[in-house]
C-alpha atoms as a PDB file:
ATOM      1  CA  MET A   1       1.677  25.870   4.469  1.00  0.00           C
ATOM      2  CA  GLU A   2       0.838  22.179   4.659  1.00  0.00           C
ATOM      3  CA  PHE A   3       1.758  19.717   1.909  1.00  0.00           C
ATOM      4  CA  ILE A   4      -0.131  16.565   1.102  1.00  0.00           C
ATOM      5  CA  GLU A   5       1.665  13.686  -0.574  1.00  0.00           C
ATOM      6  CA  VAL A   6      -0.171  12.688  -3.732  1.00  0.00           C
ATOM      7  CA  GLY A   7       0.496   9.292  -5.267  1.00  0.00           C
ATOM      8  CA  VAL A   8      -0.001   8.270  -8.856  1.00  0.00           C
ATOM      9  CA  VAL A   9      -2.975   5.989  -9.295  1.00  0.00           C
ATOM     10  CA  GLU A  10      -2.338   3.308 -11.857  1.00  0.00           C
ATOM     11  CA  GLN A  11      -5.307   2.262 -13.933  1.00  0.00           C
ATOM     12  CA  LYS A  12      -6.137  -1.438 -13.806  1.00  0.00           C
ATOM     13  CA  PRO A  13      -5.052  -3.080 -17.081  1.00  0.00           C
ATOM     14  CA  VAL A  14      -7.514  -4.635 -19.513  1.00  0.00           C
ATOM     15  CA  LEU A  15      -6.747  -8.320 -20.032  1.00  0.00           C
ATOM     16  CA  GLU A  16      -9.232  -9.035 -22.815  1.00  0.00           C
ATOM     17  CA  GLY A  17      -7.611 -10.632 -25.843  1.00  0.00           C
ATOM     18  CA  LEU A  18      -4.458 -11.729 -24.018  1.00  0.00           C
ATOM     19  CA  SER A  19      -3.320 -15.335 -23.705  1.00  0.00           C
ATOM     20  CA  ALA A  20      -3.522 -16.965 -20.263  1.00  0.00           C
ATOM     21  CA  TYR A  21       0.246 -16.509 -19.860  1.00  0.00           C
ATOM     22  CA  GLU A  22       0.045 -12.800 -20.768  1.00  0.00           C
ATOM     23  CA  LYS A  23      -2.947 -12.283 -18.457  1.00  0.00           C
ATOM     24  CA  ILE A  24      -1.001 -13.683 -15.514  1.00  0.00           C
ATOM     25  CA  ASN A  25       2.064 -11.593 -16.322  1.00  0.00           C
ATOM     26  CA  THR A  26       0.039  -8.397 -16.709  1.00  0.00           C
ATOM     27  CA  ALA A  27      -2.235  -8.942 -13.691  1.00  0.00           C
ATOM     28  CA  CYS A  28       0.551 -10.034 -11.327  1.00  0.00           C
ATOM     29  CA  SER A  29       2.862  -7.233 -12.455  1.00  0.00           C
ATOM     30  CA  TYR A  30       0.057  -4.753 -11.793  1.00  0.00           C
ATOM     31  CA  ILE A  31      -0.610  -6.167  -8.305  1.00  0.00           C
ATOM     32  CA  LEU A  32       3.072  -6.301  -7.348  1.00  0.00           C
ATOM     33  CA  ARG A  33       3.683  -2.778  -8.689  1.00  0.00           C
ATOM     34  CA  THR A  34       0.652  -1.179  -6.998  1.00  0.00           C
ATOM     35  CA  GLN A  35       1.498  -2.882  -3.691  1.00  0.00           C
ATOM     36  CA  LYS A  36       5.144  -1.820  -4.036  1.00  0.00           C
ATOM     37  CA  LYS A  37       6.530  -5.352  -3.822  1.00  0.00           C
ATOM     38  CA  HIS A  38      10.005  -4.554  -5.183  1.00  0.00           C
ATOM     39  CA  THR A  39      12.380  -6.393  -2.869  1.00  0.00           C
ATOM     40  CA  ARG A  40      13.222  -9.933  -1.839  1.00  0.00           C
ATOM     41  CA  GLU A  41      12.165  -9.031   1.691  1.00  0.00           C
ATOM     42  CA  ASP A  42       8.689  -7.752   0.721  1.00  0.00           C
ATOM     43  CA  THR A  43       6.852 -10.316  -1.395  1.00  0.00           C
ATOM     44  CA  LEU A  44       3.491 -11.941  -2.067  1.00  0.00           C
ATOM     45  CA  SER A  45       3.041 -15.699  -2.113  1.00  0.00           C
ATOM     46  CA  SER A  46       1.598 -17.451  -5.147  1.00  0.00           C
ATOM     47  CA  ALA A  47      -1.584 -18.124  -3.130  1.00  0.00           C
ATOM     48  CA  GLU A  48      -1.896 -14.420  -2.277  1.00  0.00           C
ATOM     49  CA  LEU A  49      -1.397 -13.451  -5.925  1.00  0.00           C
ATOM     50  CA  PHE A  50      -3.962 -16.027  -7.045  1.00  0.00           C
ATOM     51  CA  SER A  51      -6.529 -14.683  -4.563  1.00  0.00           C
ATOM     52  CA  GLN A  52      -5.898 -11.110  -5.638  1.00  0.00           C
ATOM     53  CA  VAL A  53      -6.120 -11.736  -9.388  1.00  0.00           C
ATOM     54  CA  LYS A  54      -9.408 -13.567  -8.836  1.00  0.00           C
ATOM     55  CA  LEU A  55     -10.675 -10.616  -6.801  1.00  0.00           C
ATOM     56  CA  LEU A  56      -9.421  -7.836  -9.087  1.00  0.00           C
ATOM     57  CA  PHE A  57      -9.988  -9.586 -12.428  1.00  0.00           C
ATOM     58  CA  PRO A  58     -13.023 -11.861 -11.868  1.00  0.00           C
ATOM     59  CA  MET A  59     -14.001 -12.013 -15.552  1.00  0.00           C
ATOM     60  CA  ASP A  60     -10.532 -13.159 -16.610  1.00  0.00           C
ATOM     61  CA  PHE A  61      -9.809 -15.515 -13.712  1.00  0.00           C
ATOM     62  CA  ASN A  62     -13.141 -17.223 -13.111  1.00  0.00           C
ATOM     63  CA  GLU A  63     -13.874 -20.662 -11.656  1.00  0.00           C
ATOM     64  CA  GLU A  64     -12.644 -22.330 -14.855  1.00  0.00           C
ATOM     65  CA  PHE A  65      -9.145 -20.925 -14.351  1.00  0.00           C
ATOM     66  CA  SER A  66      -7.377 -23.493 -12.181  1.00  0.00           C
ATOM     67  CA  LYS A  67      -4.933 -22.689  -9.414  1.00  0.00           C
ATOM     68  CA  ASN A  68      -2.392 -25.169 -10.842  1.00  0.00           C
ATOM     69  CA  THR A  69      -2.458 -23.494 -14.259  1.00  0.00           C
ATOM     70  CA  PHE A  70      -1.968 -20.118 -12.582  1.00  0.00           C
ATOM     71  CA  TYR A  71       1.010 -21.403 -10.563  1.00  0.00           C
ATOM     72  CA  GLN A  72       2.650 -22.945 -13.644  1.00  0.00           C
ATOM     73  CA  TYR A  73       2.336 -19.779 -15.712  1.00  0.00           C
ATOM     74  CA  LEU A  74       3.480 -17.618 -12.801  1.00  0.00           C
ATOM     75  CA  SER A  75       6.581 -19.794 -12.437  1.00  0.00           C
ATOM     76  CA  ARG A  76       7.283 -19.507 -16.170  1.00  0.00           C
ATOM     77  CA  ASN A  77       7.067 -15.716 -15.887  1.00  0.00           C
ATOM     78  CA  VAL A  78       9.952 -15.735 -13.416  1.00  0.00           C
ATOM     79  CA  HIS A  79      12.190 -17.390 -16.017  1.00  0.00           C
ATOM     80  CA  ASP A  80      11.022 -15.133 -18.868  1.00  0.00           C
ATOM     81  CA  THR A  81      13.604 -12.422 -19.594  1.00  0.00           C
ATOM     82  CA  GLU A  82      10.806 -10.085 -20.746  1.00  0.00           C
ATOM     83  CA  SER A  83       9.031 -10.341 -17.372  1.00  0.00           C
ATOM     84  CA  LEU A  84      10.001  -8.322 -14.311  1.00  0.00           C
ATOM     85  CA  ILE A  85       8.355 -10.831 -11.954  1.00  0.00           C
ATOM     86  CA  ASN A  86      10.922 -12.499  -9.696  1.00  0.00           C
ATOM     87  CA  CYS A  87      11.056 -15.180  -7.018  1.00  0.00           C
ATOM     88  CA  GLU A  88      14.109 -16.271  -5.049  1.00  0.00           C
ATOM     89  CA  GLY A  89      12.982 -19.879  -4.778  1.00  0.00           C
ATOM     90  CA  ARG A  90      10.325 -22.163  -3.399  1.00  0.00           C
ATOM     91  CA  LYS A  91       8.149 -20.546  -0.742  1.00  0.00           C
ATOM     92  CA  LYS A  92      10.064 -17.267  -0.950  1.00  0.00           C
ATOM     93  CA  GLY A  93       7.302 -15.165  -2.539  1.00  0.00           C
ATOM     94  CA  TYR A  94       7.112 -13.014  -5.638  1.00  0.00           C
ATOM     95  CA  TYR A  95       8.199  -9.441  -6.197  1.00  0.00           C
ATOM     96  CA  LEU A  96       8.719  -7.119  -9.123  1.00  0.00           C
ATOM     97  CA  SER A  97      12.326  -6.629 -10.175  1.00  0.00           C
ATOM     98  CA  ASP A  98      13.875  -3.274  -9.631  1.00  0.00           C
ATOM     99  CA  VAL A  99      15.541  -2.828 -13.007  1.00  0.00           C
ATOM    100  CA  ILE A 100      18.117  -0.343 -11.710  1.00  0.00           C
ATOM    101  CA  GLU A 101      19.146  -2.763  -8.923  1.00  0.00           C
ATOM    102  CA  GLU A 102      19.604  -5.603 -11.423  1.00  0.00           C
ATOM    103  CA  ILE A 103      21.678  -3.410 -13.737  1.00  0.00           C
ATOM    104  CA  GLN A 104      24.083  -2.570 -10.922  1.00  0.00           C
ATOM    105  CA  HIS A 105      25.000  -6.254 -10.653  1.00  0.00           C
ATOM    106  CA  LEU A 106      25.866  -6.654 -14.350  1.00  0.00           C
ATOM    107  CA  PRO A 107      29.329  -6.204 -15.885  1.00  0.00           C
ATOM    108  CA  GLU A 108      30.342  -2.521 -16.131  1.00  0.00           C
ATOM    109  CA  GLN A 109      30.350  -2.360 -19.956  1.00  0.00           C
ATOM    110  CA  LYS A 110      26.605  -3.175 -20.118  1.00  0.00           C
ATOM    111  CA  ASN A 111      25.577  -0.771 -17.372  1.00  0.00           C
ATOM    112  CA  ASP A 112      25.635   2.492 -19.361  1.00  0.00           C
ATOM    113  CA  VAL A 113      23.317   1.186 -22.079  1.00  0.00           C
ATOM    114  CA  LEU A 114      21.005  -0.560 -19.636  1.00  0.00           C
ATOM    115  CA  VAL A 115      20.744   2.404 -17.271  1.00  0.00           C
ATOM    116  CA  ALA A 116      19.780   4.606 -20.218  1.00  0.00           C
ATOM    117  CA  GLU A 117      17.143   2.044 -21.261  1.00  0.00           C
ATOM    118  CA  ALA A 118      15.786   1.775 -17.719  1.00  0.00           C
ATOM    119  CA  GLU A 119      15.549   5.527 -17.328  1.00  0.00           C
ATOM    120  CA  SER A 120      13.708   5.817 -20.653  1.00  0.00           C
ATOM    121  CA  GLY A 121      11.291   3.065 -19.604  1.00  0.00           C
ATOM    122  CA  HIS A 122      12.385   0.588 -22.284  1.00  0.00           C
ATOM    123  CA  ALA A 123      14.381  -1.849 -20.172  1.00  0.00           C
ATOM    124  CA  THR A 124      13.910  -5.597 -19.966  1.00  0.00           C
ATOM    125  CA  LYS A 125      15.186  -8.138 -17.464  1.00  0.00           C
ATOM    126  CA  THR A 126      18.422  -9.759 -18.633  1.00  0.00           C
ATOM    127  CA  TYR A 127      20.712 -12.392 -17.179  1.00  0.00           C
END
């Protein structure tokens, strides 16, 4: 008997009605997640993300949406504790945080609660 590996296809999110900041967070999270960019060693640059959001979400990121605005909001997402988008520094590229990996680096007393949250799908990035 032969087995075929079947992946889960994630539906592209609808960005209508979101603020520019939320659109960037949602679109970039989707791109990083679907391309499995979950480590510091496997990232996308801001230019690559900008090109991909323009390609995948042309109605939301049209010619009027400037590259500088995109870069500023993307950078703000990295510092937002509600966002899982991470970057190690200038020219290092962006990846999506692995919540379990981040929890392992926190003090022991917080781990049990955070692991339970992560496993239930209700975790947020904390520092």
